[in-house]
N, C-alpha and C. Protein backbone atom coordinates (compact mmCIF):
# COMPACT_ATOMS: atom_id res chain seq x y z
N UNK A 1 0.85 -1.20 0.00
CA UNK A 1 0.00 0.00 0.00
C UNK A 1 0.88 1.24 0.00
N UNK A 2 0.70 2.09 -0.95
CA UNK A 2 1.48 3.32 -1.04
C UNK A 2 1.14 4.21 0.15
N UNK A 3 2.17 4.80 0.79
CA UNK A 3 1.97 5.68 1.93
C UNK A 3 2.20 7.12 1.49
N UNK A 4 1.50 8.04 2.10
CA UNK A 4 1.66 9.45 1.79
C UNK A 4 1.90 10.20 3.08
N UNK A 5 2.86 11.11 3.11
CA UNK A 5 3.22 11.80 4.34
C UNK A 5 2.20 12.86 4.69
N UNK A 6 2.18 13.25 5.97
CA UNK A 6 1.27 14.31 6.39
C UNK A 6 1.64 15.63 5.72
N UNK A 7 2.93 15.82 5.41
CA UNK A 7 3.34 17.04 4.72
C UNK A 7 2.69 17.10 3.35
N UNK A 8 2.67 15.96 2.63
CA UNK A 8 2.05 15.94 1.31
C UNK A 8 0.54 16.10 1.42
N UNK A 9 -0.04 15.51 2.47
CA UNK A 9 -1.48 15.64 2.66
C UNK A 9 -1.87 17.11 2.83
N UNK A 10 -1.06 17.86 3.58
CA UNK A 10 -1.38 19.27 3.79
C UNK A 10 -1.34 20.06 2.48
N UNK A 11 -0.56 19.58 1.53
CA UNK A 11 -0.42 20.29 0.28
C UNK A 11 -1.60 20.07 -0.65
N UNK A 12 -2.44 19.07 -0.38
CA UNK A 12 -3.57 18.79 -1.25
C UNK A 12 -4.67 19.81 -1.01
N UNK A 13 -5.23 20.40 -2.05
CA UNK A 13 -6.26 21.45 -1.88
C UNK A 13 -7.54 20.90 -1.28
N UNK A 14 -8.14 21.70 -0.38
CA UNK A 14 -9.44 21.40 0.20
C UNK A 14 -9.49 20.04 0.89
N UNK A 15 -8.38 19.62 1.46
CA UNK A 15 -8.36 18.30 2.10
C UNK A 15 -9.22 18.31 3.34
N UNK A 16 -9.52 17.15 3.82
CA UNK A 16 -10.42 16.96 4.95
C UNK A 16 -9.97 17.68 6.21
N UNK A 17 -8.70 18.09 6.34
CA UNK A 17 -8.26 18.75 7.56
C UNK A 17 -9.06 20.00 7.86
N UNK A 18 -9.56 20.68 6.84
CA UNK A 18 -10.29 21.92 7.04
C UNK A 18 -11.64 21.69 7.70
N UNK A 19 -12.41 20.74 7.17
CA UNK A 19 -13.75 20.52 7.68
C UNK A 19 -13.86 19.33 8.61
N UNK A 20 -13.22 18.22 8.23
CA UNK A 20 -13.37 17.00 9.00
C UNK A 20 -12.75 17.11 10.37
N UNK A 21 -11.54 17.68 10.46
CA UNK A 21 -10.89 17.76 11.76
C UNK A 21 -11.68 18.63 12.72
N UNK A 22 -12.35 19.66 12.19
CA UNK A 22 -13.16 20.53 13.04
C UNK A 22 -14.38 19.80 13.58
N UNK A 23 -14.96 18.92 12.77
CA UNK A 23 -16.21 18.27 13.15
C UNK A 23 -16.02 16.99 13.93
N UNK A 24 -14.85 16.33 13.79
CA UNK A 24 -14.65 15.04 14.44
C UNK A 24 -13.51 15.08 15.44
N UNK A 25 -12.30 15.46 14.97
CA UNK A 25 -11.12 15.32 15.81
C UNK A 25 -11.04 16.38 16.90
N UNK A 26 -11.74 17.48 16.76
CA UNK A 26 -11.73 18.50 17.80
C UNK A 26 -12.90 18.34 18.76
N UNK A 27 -13.68 17.27 18.61
CA UNK A 27 -14.78 17.01 19.54
C UNK A 27 -14.23 16.78 20.94
N UNK A 28 -15.02 17.06 21.95
CA UNK A 28 -14.60 16.76 23.30
C UNK A 28 -14.57 15.25 23.49
N UNK A 29 -13.88 14.81 24.54
CA UNK A 29 -13.79 13.38 24.83
C UNK A 29 -15.17 12.78 25.04
N UNK A 30 -16.04 13.48 25.76
CA UNK A 30 -17.38 12.97 26.02
C UNK A 30 -18.17 12.83 24.73
N UNK A 31 -18.07 13.82 23.85
CA UNK A 31 -18.78 13.76 22.58
C UNK A 31 -18.30 12.59 21.75
N UNK A 32 -17.00 12.36 21.71
CA UNK A 32 -16.46 11.23 20.96
C UNK A 32 -16.99 9.92 21.51
N UNK A 33 -17.01 9.80 22.84
CA UNK A 33 -17.50 8.57 23.46
C UNK A 33 -18.97 8.33 23.12
N UNK A 34 -19.77 9.40 23.15
CA UNK A 34 -21.19 9.25 22.87
C UNK A 34 -21.45 8.87 21.42
N UNK A 35 -20.60 9.35 20.50
CA UNK A 35 -20.77 9.02 19.09
C UNK A 35 -20.09 7.70 18.71
N UNK A 36 -19.34 7.14 19.66
CA UNK A 36 -18.66 5.88 19.38
C UNK A 36 -17.39 6.04 18.57
N UNK A 37 -16.77 7.24 18.61
CA UNK A 37 -15.55 7.48 17.86
C UNK A 37 -14.37 6.86 18.59
N UNK A 38 -13.63 6.00 17.91
CA UNK A 38 -12.47 5.32 18.48
C UNK A 38 -11.19 6.04 18.06
N UNK A 39 -10.08 5.60 18.65
CA UNK A 39 -8.78 6.06 18.17
C UNK A 39 -8.58 5.52 16.76
N UNK A 40 -7.73 6.19 15.99
CA UNK A 40 -7.56 5.82 14.60
C UNK A 40 -6.37 4.89 14.44
N UNK A 41 -6.62 3.72 13.87
CA UNK A 41 -5.57 2.74 13.65
C UNK A 41 -5.78 2.09 12.28
N UNK A 42 -4.67 1.82 11.61
CA UNK A 42 -4.75 1.11 10.34
C UNK A 42 -5.08 -0.35 10.60
N UNK A 43 -5.95 -0.93 9.82
CA UNK A 43 -6.35 -2.32 9.99
C UNK A 43 -5.43 -3.24 9.20
N UNK A 44 -4.88 -4.26 9.89
CA UNK A 44 -4.21 -5.32 9.14
C UNK A 44 -5.28 -6.27 8.62
N UNK A 45 -4.88 -7.27 7.84
CA UNK A 45 -5.87 -8.16 7.21
C UNK A 45 -6.73 -8.89 8.25
N UNK A 46 -6.12 -9.29 9.36
CA UNK A 46 -6.86 -10.02 10.40
C UNK A 46 -7.95 -9.15 11.01
N UNK A 47 -7.61 -7.91 11.37
CA UNK A 47 -8.59 -7.01 11.95
C UNK A 47 -9.63 -6.58 10.91
N UNK A 48 -9.17 -6.43 9.68
CA UNK A 48 -10.09 -6.08 8.60
C UNK A 48 -11.19 -7.13 8.50
N UNK A 49 -10.79 -8.40 8.52
CA UNK A 49 -11.76 -9.49 8.42
C UNK A 49 -12.68 -9.52 9.63
N UNK A 50 -12.13 -9.21 10.81
CA UNK A 50 -12.95 -9.25 12.02
C UNK A 50 -14.05 -8.20 11.97
N UNK A 51 -13.73 -7.00 11.50
CA UNK A 51 -14.74 -5.96 11.41
C UNK A 51 -15.73 -6.24 10.29
N UNK A 52 -15.28 -6.89 9.24
CA UNK A 52 -16.21 -7.29 8.18
C UNK A 52 -17.25 -8.27 8.72
N UNK A 53 -16.82 -9.17 9.59
CA UNK A 53 -17.77 -10.12 10.19
C UNK A 53 -18.80 -9.37 11.02
N UNK A 54 -18.39 -8.33 11.72
CA UNK A 54 -19.33 -7.53 12.50
C UNK A 54 -20.34 -6.83 11.59
N UNK A 55 -19.89 -6.44 10.41
CA UNK A 55 -20.80 -5.82 9.44
C UNK A 55 -21.69 -6.85 8.76
N UNK A 56 -21.24 -8.11 8.75
CA UNK A 56 -21.93 -9.13 7.97
C UNK A 56 -21.59 -9.01 6.50
N UNK A 57 -20.33 -8.61 6.22
CA UNK A 57 -19.88 -8.37 4.86
C UNK A 57 -18.93 -9.47 4.39
N UNK A 58 -19.07 -9.94 3.16
CA UNK A 58 -18.19 -10.99 2.64
C UNK A 58 -16.80 -10.44 2.30
N UNK A 59 -15.73 -11.14 2.67
CA UNK A 59 -14.37 -10.67 2.36
C UNK A 59 -14.13 -10.48 0.86
N UNK A 60 -14.85 -11.24 0.04
CA UNK A 60 -14.68 -11.11 -1.40
C UNK A 60 -15.16 -9.78 -1.96
N UNK A 61 -15.93 -9.03 -1.16
CA UNK A 61 -16.43 -7.71 -1.58
C UNK A 61 -15.70 -6.58 -0.86
N UNK A 62 -14.55 -6.89 -0.24
CA UNK A 62 -13.88 -5.93 0.63
C UNK A 62 -12.60 -5.38 -0.01
N UNK A 63 -12.39 -4.08 0.21
CA UNK A 63 -11.24 -3.38 -0.36
C UNK A 63 -10.70 -2.37 0.66
N UNK A 64 -9.47 -1.91 0.41
CA UNK A 64 -8.90 -0.77 1.13
C UNK A 64 -8.55 0.28 0.09
N UNK A 65 -8.82 1.53 0.39
CA UNK A 65 -8.52 2.59 -0.56
C UNK A 65 -7.05 3.00 -0.41
N UNK A 66 -6.36 3.11 -1.52
CA UNK A 66 -4.95 3.49 -1.48
C UNK A 66 -4.83 5.00 -1.28
N UNK A 67 -3.72 5.43 -0.68
CA UNK A 67 -3.52 6.86 -0.44
C UNK A 67 -3.33 7.64 -1.74
N UNK A 68 -3.09 6.97 -2.86
CA UNK A 68 -3.04 7.66 -4.14
C UNK A 68 -4.39 8.29 -4.49
N UNK A 69 -5.44 7.80 -3.84
CA UNK A 69 -6.78 8.36 -4.04
C UNK A 69 -6.81 9.84 -3.62
N UNK A 70 -6.10 10.17 -2.53
CA UNK A 70 -6.05 11.56 -2.07
C UNK A 70 -5.41 12.45 -3.11
N UNK A 71 -4.33 11.97 -3.70
CA UNK A 71 -3.64 12.74 -4.73
C UNK A 71 -4.52 12.90 -5.97
N UNK A 72 -5.22 11.84 -6.32
CA UNK A 72 -6.11 11.88 -7.48
C UNK A 72 -7.20 12.93 -7.29
N UNK A 73 -7.86 12.92 -6.12
CA UNK A 73 -8.92 13.90 -5.86
C UNK A 73 -8.34 15.31 -5.85
N UNK A 74 -7.17 15.46 -5.24
CA UNK A 74 -6.55 16.78 -5.15
C UNK A 74 -6.24 17.40 -6.50
N UNK A 75 -6.02 16.58 -7.50
CA UNK A 75 -5.68 17.09 -8.83
C UNK A 75 -6.88 17.27 -9.75
N UNK A 76 -8.08 16.86 -9.28
CA UNK A 76 -9.26 16.99 -10.14
C UNK A 76 -9.63 18.46 -10.32
N UNK A 77 -10.12 18.80 -11.49
CA UNK A 77 -10.50 20.16 -11.81
C UNK A 77 -12.00 20.33 -11.59
N UNK A 78 -12.38 21.24 -10.71
CA UNK A 78 -13.78 21.49 -10.42
C UNK A 78 -13.98 22.94 -10.00
N UNK A 79 -15.13 23.50 -10.34
CA UNK A 79 -15.46 24.86 -9.96
C UNK A 79 -16.23 24.91 -8.64
N UNK A 80 -16.69 23.75 -8.17
CA UNK A 80 -17.47 23.70 -6.92
C UNK A 80 -16.56 23.39 -5.75
N UNK A 81 -16.56 24.27 -4.76
CA UNK A 81 -15.62 24.13 -3.65
C UNK A 81 -15.93 22.94 -2.76
N UNK A 82 -17.19 22.46 -2.77
CA UNK A 82 -17.55 21.38 -1.86
C UNK A 82 -17.31 20.00 -2.46
N UNK A 83 -17.06 19.90 -3.76
CA UNK A 83 -16.97 18.59 -4.39
C UNK A 83 -15.81 17.76 -3.83
N UNK A 84 -14.62 18.34 -3.77
CA UNK A 84 -13.47 17.59 -3.27
C UNK A 84 -13.66 17.24 -1.80
N UNK A 85 -14.16 18.18 -1.03
CA UNK A 85 -14.39 17.93 0.40
C UNK A 85 -15.30 16.72 0.58
N UNK A 86 -16.34 16.62 -0.22
CA UNK A 86 -17.27 15.50 -0.11
C UNK A 86 -16.57 14.16 -0.33
N UNK A 87 -15.68 14.11 -1.29
CA UNK A 87 -15.01 12.84 -1.61
C UNK A 87 -13.98 12.44 -0.55
N UNK A 88 -13.57 13.36 0.32
CA UNK A 88 -12.63 13.05 1.37
C UNK A 88 -13.29 12.53 2.65
N UNK A 89 -14.58 12.54 2.75
CA UNK A 89 -15.26 12.23 4.00
C UNK A 89 -15.13 10.74 4.37
N UNK A 90 -15.13 10.41 5.67
CA UNK A 90 -14.83 9.04 6.11
C UNK A 90 -15.94 8.02 5.91
N UNK A 91 -17.22 8.44 5.95
CA UNK A 91 -18.33 7.49 5.79
C UNK A 91 -19.19 7.94 4.62
N UNK A 92 -19.33 7.04 3.66
CA UNK A 92 -20.11 7.37 2.46
C UNK A 92 -20.79 6.12 1.93
N UNK A 93 -21.91 6.32 1.26
CA UNK A 93 -22.54 5.26 0.47
C UNK A 93 -22.88 5.85 -0.88
N UNK A 94 -22.36 5.23 -1.93
CA UNK A 94 -22.59 5.70 -3.29
C UNK A 94 -23.37 4.65 -4.06
N UNK A 95 -24.55 5.03 -4.51
CA UNK A 95 -25.40 4.14 -5.31
C UNK A 95 -25.03 4.29 -6.78
N UNK A 96 -24.21 3.39 -7.27
CA UNK A 96 -23.81 3.44 -8.68
C UNK A 96 -24.83 2.75 -9.57
N UNK A 97 -25.62 1.87 -9.03
CA UNK A 97 -26.53 1.11 -9.88
C UNK A 97 -25.71 0.32 -10.89
N UNK A 98 -25.93 0.56 -12.16
CA UNK A 98 -25.14 -0.06 -13.22
C UNK A 98 -24.48 0.99 -14.10
N UNK A 99 -24.30 2.19 -13.53
CA UNK A 99 -23.70 3.30 -14.25
C UNK A 99 -22.33 3.65 -13.67
N UNK A 100 -21.51 4.34 -14.46
CA UNK A 100 -20.16 4.72 -14.04
C UNK A 100 -20.16 5.81 -12.97
N UNK A 101 -21.24 6.59 -12.89
CA UNK A 101 -21.31 7.66 -11.90
C UNK A 101 -22.52 7.45 -11.00
N UNK A 102 -22.42 7.87 -9.74
CA UNK A 102 -23.50 7.57 -8.79
C UNK A 102 -24.80 8.30 -9.08
N UNK A 103 -25.90 7.64 -8.72
CA UNK A 103 -27.21 8.27 -8.84
C UNK A 103 -27.72 8.77 -7.51
N UNK A 104 -27.13 8.29 -6.41
CA UNK A 104 -27.48 8.75 -5.06
C UNK A 104 -26.22 8.66 -4.21
N UNK A 105 -26.13 9.58 -3.23
CA UNK A 105 -24.90 9.70 -2.45
C UNK A 105 -25.24 10.10 -1.02
N UNK A 106 -24.66 9.39 -0.07
CA UNK A 106 -24.85 9.68 1.35
C UNK A 106 -23.49 9.87 2.00
N UNK A 107 -23.33 11.02 2.70
CA UNK A 107 -22.04 11.40 3.26
C UNK A 107 -22.26 11.85 4.70
N UNK A 108 -21.33 11.53 5.58
CA UNK A 108 -21.50 11.84 6.99
C UNK A 108 -21.77 13.32 7.26
N UNK A 109 -21.13 14.22 6.49
CA UNK A 109 -21.29 15.65 6.78
C UNK A 109 -22.64 16.19 6.37
N UNK A 110 -23.45 15.39 5.66
CA UNK A 110 -24.81 15.80 5.30
C UNK A 110 -25.86 15.17 6.22
N UNK A 111 -25.43 14.26 7.08
CA UNK A 111 -26.40 13.50 7.88
C UNK A 111 -26.93 14.27 9.08
N UNK A 112 -26.05 14.96 9.80
CA UNK A 112 -26.48 15.64 11.01
C UNK A 112 -26.86 14.64 12.09
N UNK A 113 -27.18 15.14 13.26
CA UNK A 113 -27.62 14.28 14.35
C UNK A 113 -26.55 14.03 15.38
N UNK A 114 -26.99 13.80 16.62
CA UNK A 114 -26.10 13.48 17.75
C UNK A 114 -26.92 12.77 18.82
N UNK A 115 -26.42 11.68 19.41
CA UNK A 115 -25.08 11.11 19.26
C UNK A 115 -24.93 10.18 18.05
N UNK A 116 -26.03 9.90 17.32
CA UNK A 116 -25.93 9.10 16.11
C UNK A 116 -26.27 9.95 14.90
N UNK A 117 -25.55 9.74 13.82
CA UNK A 117 -25.85 10.43 12.57
C UNK A 117 -27.21 9.98 12.05
N UNK A 118 -28.00 10.92 11.61
CA UNK A 118 -29.36 10.64 11.17
C UNK A 118 -29.39 10.48 9.64
N UNK A 119 -29.00 9.31 9.19
CA UNK A 119 -28.86 9.06 7.77
C UNK A 119 -30.20 9.16 7.01
N UNK A 120 -31.30 8.91 7.69
CA UNK A 120 -32.59 8.88 7.00
C UNK A 120 -33.51 10.00 7.48
N UNK A 121 -32.92 11.11 7.91
CA UNK A 121 -33.77 12.17 8.48
C UNK A 121 -34.69 12.79 7.43
N UNK A 122 -34.32 12.72 6.16
CA UNK A 122 -35.19 13.22 5.10
C UNK A 122 -35.99 12.11 4.45
N UNK A 123 -36.06 10.94 5.12
CA UNK A 123 -36.76 9.76 4.60
C UNK A 123 -36.23 9.38 3.21
N UNK A 124 -34.90 9.55 3.06
CA UNK A 124 -34.26 9.26 1.78
C UNK A 124 -34.37 7.79 1.39
N UNK A 125 -34.36 6.92 2.40
CA UNK A 125 -34.32 5.48 2.14
C UNK A 125 -35.71 4.84 2.09
N UNK A 126 -36.74 5.65 2.07
CA UNK A 126 -38.09 5.08 2.05
C UNK A 126 -38.45 4.45 0.72
N UNK A 127 -37.74 4.82 -0.34
CA UNK A 127 -37.99 4.26 -1.66
C UNK A 127 -36.71 3.68 -2.23
N UNK A 128 -36.85 2.85 -3.25
CA UNK A 128 -35.68 2.34 -3.96
C UNK A 128 -35.80 2.70 -5.43
N UNK A 129 -34.75 3.26 -6.04
CA UNK A 129 -33.52 3.74 -5.38
C UNK A 129 -33.84 4.90 -4.44
N UNK A 130 -32.97 5.15 -3.47
CA UNK A 130 -33.23 6.22 -2.52
C UNK A 130 -33.02 7.59 -3.13
N UNK A 131 -33.54 8.61 -2.45
CA UNK A 131 -33.29 9.99 -2.84
C UNK A 131 -31.94 10.41 -2.31
N UNK A 132 -31.12 11.02 -3.13
CA UNK A 132 -29.77 11.39 -2.72
C UNK A 132 -29.79 12.47 -1.66
N UNK A 133 -28.99 12.29 -0.61
CA UNK A 133 -28.88 13.30 0.45
C UNK A 133 -27.84 14.36 0.10
N UNK A 134 -26.86 13.98 -0.70
CA UNK A 134 -25.79 14.90 -1.10
C UNK A 134 -25.85 15.13 -2.60
N UNK A 135 -25.37 16.27 -3.06
CA UNK A 135 -25.37 16.53 -4.51
C UNK A 135 -24.39 15.61 -5.22
N UNK A 136 -24.87 14.84 -6.19
CA UNK A 136 -23.99 13.92 -6.91
C UNK A 136 -23.16 14.70 -7.93
N UNK A 137 -22.00 14.16 -8.27
CA UNK A 137 -21.14 14.81 -9.25
C UNK A 137 -20.48 13.75 -10.12
N UNK A 138 -19.67 14.18 -11.05
CA UNK A 138 -18.97 13.27 -11.94
C UNK A 138 -17.46 13.36 -11.76
N UNK A 139 -17.05 13.66 -10.53
CA UNK A 139 -15.62 13.82 -10.24
C UNK A 139 -14.88 12.49 -10.27
N UNK A 140 -15.54 11.42 -9.80
CA UNK A 140 -14.90 10.11 -9.71
C UNK A 140 -15.83 9.05 -10.29
N UNK A 141 -15.40 8.37 -11.31
CA UNK A 141 -16.18 7.28 -11.87
C UNK A 141 -15.93 6.01 -11.07
N UNK A 142 -16.78 5.03 -11.25
CA UNK A 142 -16.62 3.74 -10.59
C UNK A 142 -15.27 3.12 -10.96
N UNK A 143 -14.93 3.15 -12.23
CA UNK A 143 -13.68 2.54 -12.69
C UNK A 143 -12.47 3.24 -12.09
N UNK A 144 -12.48 4.58 -12.06
CA UNK A 144 -11.35 5.31 -11.48
C UNK A 144 -11.24 5.06 -9.99
N UNK A 145 -12.38 4.99 -9.31
CA UNK A 145 -12.36 4.73 -7.88
C UNK A 145 -11.67 3.40 -7.57
N UNK A 146 -12.07 2.35 -8.28
CA UNK A 146 -11.49 1.05 -7.98
C UNK A 146 -10.09 0.88 -8.56
N UNK A 147 -9.65 1.85 -9.35
CA UNK A 147 -8.26 1.89 -9.74
C UNK A 147 -7.36 2.26 -8.58
N UNK A 148 -7.95 2.80 -7.50
CA UNK A 148 -7.21 3.17 -6.28
C UNK A 148 -7.57 2.26 -5.11
N UNK A 149 -8.20 1.13 -5.40
CA UNK A 149 -8.65 0.22 -4.33
C UNK A 149 -7.85 -1.09 -4.39
N UNK A 150 -7.50 -1.58 -3.21
CA UNK A 150 -6.78 -2.84 -3.09
C UNK A 150 -7.73 -3.90 -2.52
N UNK A 151 -7.99 -4.99 -3.25
CA UNK A 151 -8.91 -6.02 -2.75
C UNK A 151 -8.31 -6.79 -1.58
N UNK A 152 -9.15 -7.14 -0.61
CA UNK A 152 -8.69 -7.96 0.50
C UNK A 152 -8.31 -9.35 0.02
N UNK A 153 -9.07 -9.89 -0.92
CA UNK A 153 -8.78 -11.18 -1.54
C UNK A 153 -8.35 -10.97 -2.98
N UNK A 154 -7.50 -11.83 -3.47
CA UNK A 154 -7.05 -11.72 -4.85
C UNK A 154 -8.21 -11.99 -5.81
N UNK A 155 -8.22 -11.22 -6.88
CA UNK A 155 -9.28 -11.40 -7.87
C UNK A 155 -9.39 -10.17 -8.73
N UNK A 156 -10.17 -10.24 -9.79
CA UNK A 156 -10.34 -9.08 -10.69
C UNK A 156 -11.10 -7.96 -10.00
N UNK A 157 -10.82 -6.74 -10.40
CA UNK A 157 -11.56 -5.61 -9.85
C UNK A 157 -12.98 -5.60 -10.41
N UNK A 158 -13.93 -5.12 -9.64
CA UNK A 158 -15.34 -5.13 -10.08
C UNK A 158 -15.58 -4.10 -11.17
N UNK A 159 -16.68 -4.27 -11.87
CA UNK A 159 -17.10 -3.32 -12.88
C UNK A 159 -18.61 -3.17 -12.79
N UNK A 160 -19.13 -2.14 -13.43
CA UNK A 160 -20.57 -1.93 -13.50
C UNK A 160 -20.99 -1.91 -14.96
N UNK A 161 -22.27 -2.15 -15.18
CA UNK A 161 -22.78 -2.15 -16.54
C UNK A 161 -23.76 -3.28 -16.76
N UNK A 162 -24.12 -3.51 -18.00
CA UNK A 162 -25.07 -4.56 -18.34
C UNK A 162 -24.56 -5.91 -17.86
N UNK A 163 -25.45 -6.66 -17.25
CA UNK A 163 -25.09 -7.98 -16.74
C UNK A 163 -24.54 -7.97 -15.34
N UNK A 164 -24.26 -6.80 -14.78
CA UNK A 164 -23.74 -6.69 -13.42
C UNK A 164 -24.88 -6.37 -12.45
N UNK A 165 -24.77 -6.81 -11.19
CA UNK A 165 -25.82 -6.49 -10.22
C UNK A 165 -25.83 -5.01 -9.86
N UNK A 166 -26.96 -4.55 -9.35
CA UNK A 166 -27.05 -3.18 -8.84
C UNK A 166 -25.99 -3.01 -7.75
N UNK A 167 -25.22 -1.94 -7.81
CA UNK A 167 -24.03 -1.82 -6.96
C UNK A 167 -24.07 -0.59 -6.07
N UNK A 168 -23.77 -0.81 -4.78
CA UNK A 168 -23.57 0.28 -3.83
C UNK A 168 -22.17 0.15 -3.25
N UNK A 169 -21.44 1.25 -3.18
CA UNK A 169 -20.11 1.28 -2.59
C UNK A 169 -20.20 1.96 -1.23
N UNK A 170 -19.74 1.27 -0.20
CA UNK A 170 -19.78 1.80 1.17
C UNK A 170 -18.36 2.07 1.66
N UNK A 171 -18.07 3.33 1.98
CA UNK A 171 -16.83 3.69 2.67
C UNK A 171 -17.08 3.53 4.17
N UNK A 172 -16.22 2.78 4.83
CA UNK A 172 -16.40 2.56 6.27
C UNK A 172 -15.04 2.54 6.95
N UNK A 173 -15.06 2.58 8.28
CA UNK A 173 -13.81 2.56 9.04
C UNK A 173 -14.05 2.09 10.46
N UNK A 174 -12.97 1.73 11.10
CA UNK A 174 -13.01 1.28 12.49
C UNK A 174 -13.27 2.44 13.43
N UNK A 175 -12.65 3.61 13.16
CA UNK A 175 -12.72 4.70 14.15
C UNK A 175 -14.11 5.30 14.26
N UNK A 176 -14.96 5.11 13.24
CA UNK A 176 -16.37 5.50 13.34
C UNK A 176 -17.23 4.30 12.96
N UNK A 177 -16.92 3.16 13.55
CA UNK A 177 -17.57 1.92 13.12
C UNK A 177 -19.06 1.91 13.42
N UNK A 178 -19.47 2.43 14.57
CA UNK A 178 -20.89 2.41 14.90
C UNK A 178 -21.70 3.19 13.88
N UNK A 179 -21.20 4.34 13.49
CA UNK A 179 -21.90 5.14 12.50
C UNK A 179 -21.84 4.49 11.12
N UNK A 180 -20.72 3.84 10.81
CA UNK A 180 -20.60 3.10 9.54
C UNK A 180 -21.62 1.98 9.48
N UNK A 181 -21.75 1.26 10.57
CA UNK A 181 -22.67 0.11 10.60
C UNK A 181 -24.12 0.56 10.50
N UNK A 182 -24.46 1.68 11.09
CA UNK A 182 -25.84 2.17 11.01
C UNK A 182 -26.19 2.55 9.57
N UNK A 183 -25.25 3.15 8.85
CA UNK A 183 -25.50 3.45 7.45
C UNK A 183 -25.61 2.16 6.65
N UNK A 184 -24.74 1.20 6.93
CA UNK A 184 -24.78 -0.08 6.22
C UNK A 184 -26.13 -0.77 6.40
N UNK A 185 -26.65 -0.74 7.60
CA UNK A 185 -27.95 -1.39 7.86
C UNK A 185 -29.05 -0.76 7.01
N UNK A 186 -29.04 0.57 6.90
CA UNK A 186 -30.04 1.26 6.08
C UNK A 186 -29.88 0.91 4.60
N UNK A 187 -28.64 0.88 4.14
CA UNK A 187 -28.38 0.55 2.73
C UNK A 187 -28.87 -0.85 2.41
N UNK A 188 -28.56 -1.79 3.29
CA UNK A 188 -28.96 -3.17 3.04
C UNK A 188 -30.49 -3.32 3.05
N UNK A 189 -31.14 -2.66 4.01
CA UNK A 189 -32.60 -2.70 4.05
C UNK A 189 -33.20 -2.09 2.78
N UNK A 190 -32.58 -1.01 2.31
CA UNK A 190 -33.09 -0.35 1.11
C UNK A 190 -32.91 -1.24 -0.12
N UNK A 191 -31.77 -1.91 -0.23
CA UNK A 191 -31.52 -2.79 -1.36
C UNK A 191 -32.49 -3.97 -1.39
N UNK A 192 -32.91 -4.40 -0.22
CA UNK A 192 -33.84 -5.53 -0.16
C UNK A 192 -35.22 -5.16 -0.71
N UNK A 193 -35.47 -3.86 -0.90
CA UNK A 193 -36.73 -3.43 -1.51
C UNK A 193 -36.72 -3.63 -3.02
N UNK A 194 -35.54 -3.89 -3.56
CA UNK A 194 -35.42 -4.09 -4.99
C UNK A 194 -35.57 -5.56 -5.32
N UNK A 195 -36.21 -5.84 -6.46
CA UNK A 195 -36.33 -7.23 -6.92
C UNK A 195 -35.12 -7.64 -7.74
N UNK A 196 -34.22 -6.69 -8.02
CA UNK A 196 -33.05 -6.97 -8.86
C UNK A 196 -31.89 -7.49 -8.02
N UNK A 197 -30.98 -8.25 -8.62
CA UNK A 197 -29.77 -8.67 -7.91
C UNK A 197 -28.95 -7.43 -7.51
N UNK A 198 -28.31 -7.49 -6.36
CA UNK A 198 -27.52 -6.36 -5.91
C UNK A 198 -26.28 -6.83 -5.16
N UNK A 199 -25.36 -5.90 -4.93
CA UNK A 199 -24.17 -6.17 -4.14
C UNK A 199 -23.74 -4.88 -3.47
N UNK A 200 -23.08 -5.02 -2.32
CA UNK A 200 -22.44 -3.91 -1.62
C UNK A 200 -20.95 -4.17 -1.66
N UNK A 201 -20.18 -3.19 -2.09
CA UNK A 201 -18.72 -3.27 -2.10
C UNK A 201 -18.20 -2.38 -0.97
N UNK A 202 -17.34 -2.94 -0.15
CA UNK A 202 -16.92 -2.29 1.10
C UNK A 202 -15.49 -1.77 0.98
N UNK A 203 -15.33 -0.46 1.12
CA UNK A 203 -14.00 0.15 1.05
C UNK A 203 -13.63 0.70 2.42
N UNK A 204 -12.60 0.11 3.03
CA UNK A 204 -12.10 0.61 4.31
C UNK A 204 -11.10 1.74 4.07
N UNK A 205 -11.19 2.81 4.87
CA UNK A 205 -10.30 3.96 4.66
C UNK A 205 -9.61 4.42 5.94
N UNK A 206 -9.48 3.54 6.95
CA UNK A 206 -8.86 3.94 8.21
C UNK A 206 -7.48 4.55 8.02
N UNK A 207 -6.66 3.94 7.16
CA UNK A 207 -5.27 4.38 7.05
C UNK A 207 -5.14 5.78 6.46
N UNK A 208 -6.17 6.27 5.77
CA UNK A 208 -6.11 7.63 5.23
C UNK A 208 -6.08 8.67 6.35
N UNK A 209 -6.64 8.31 7.51
CA UNK A 209 -6.79 9.26 8.60
C UNK A 209 -5.77 9.06 9.72
N UNK A 210 -4.91 8.04 9.59
CA UNK A 210 -3.92 7.76 10.63
C UNK A 210 -3.00 8.96 10.80
N UNK A 211 -2.83 9.42 12.04
CA UNK A 211 -1.95 10.52 12.34
C UNK A 211 -2.64 11.86 12.49
N UNK A 212 -3.89 11.98 12.02
CA UNK A 212 -4.56 13.28 12.07
C UNK A 212 -4.85 13.72 13.50
N UNK A 213 -5.12 12.76 14.41
CA UNK A 213 -5.42 13.12 15.79
C UNK A 213 -4.23 13.78 16.48
N UNK A 214 -3.04 13.45 16.01
CA UNK A 214 -1.84 13.98 16.67
C UNK A 214 -1.40 15.30 16.10
N UNK A 215 -2.05 15.73 15.03
CA UNK A 215 -1.61 16.96 14.39
C UNK A 215 -2.08 18.19 15.16
């Protein structure tokens, strides 16, 4: 897994340090405890599998995002100041369906709520496909995203399109596992409303945030 230094991370435009550190890492100890925020640690394969079991997720659908993803987002050209920030967030669900770009998007910074994030406060998940909580964009395609993903098990990278199941990509992590699992439960319940075959692809991103608490 390619590593990127904190010095290089600071050089990336609109990185999560501006918004994410203010909303999560500067929380008081009590607030962190109430939200279930843990210390940040990179998962080895054994711990990765253990948390997947807690999610009820198959290892064959599990990935880790490479730190080259940060560099890729940082170099994207966009006129909207919030687009890059959205892609840096720790918990996300992207409904790709069978298209290269998402049709619905759920991000922690749009959820609100305390001590649990209220993922369905706008009743987004009452229908299938759900109503997007965040503005969707075309900054990252499915293919480009998985070009920066490392599979937990050896095998070909996934694709979307004709003949493929309806696809949702879930960004999750150990340090906000409770909130990750609550979003996962909603996504799975929502997918069960569909009569079509579906799959959830799980991308762990703990290592992207390692070291931020000490900064």
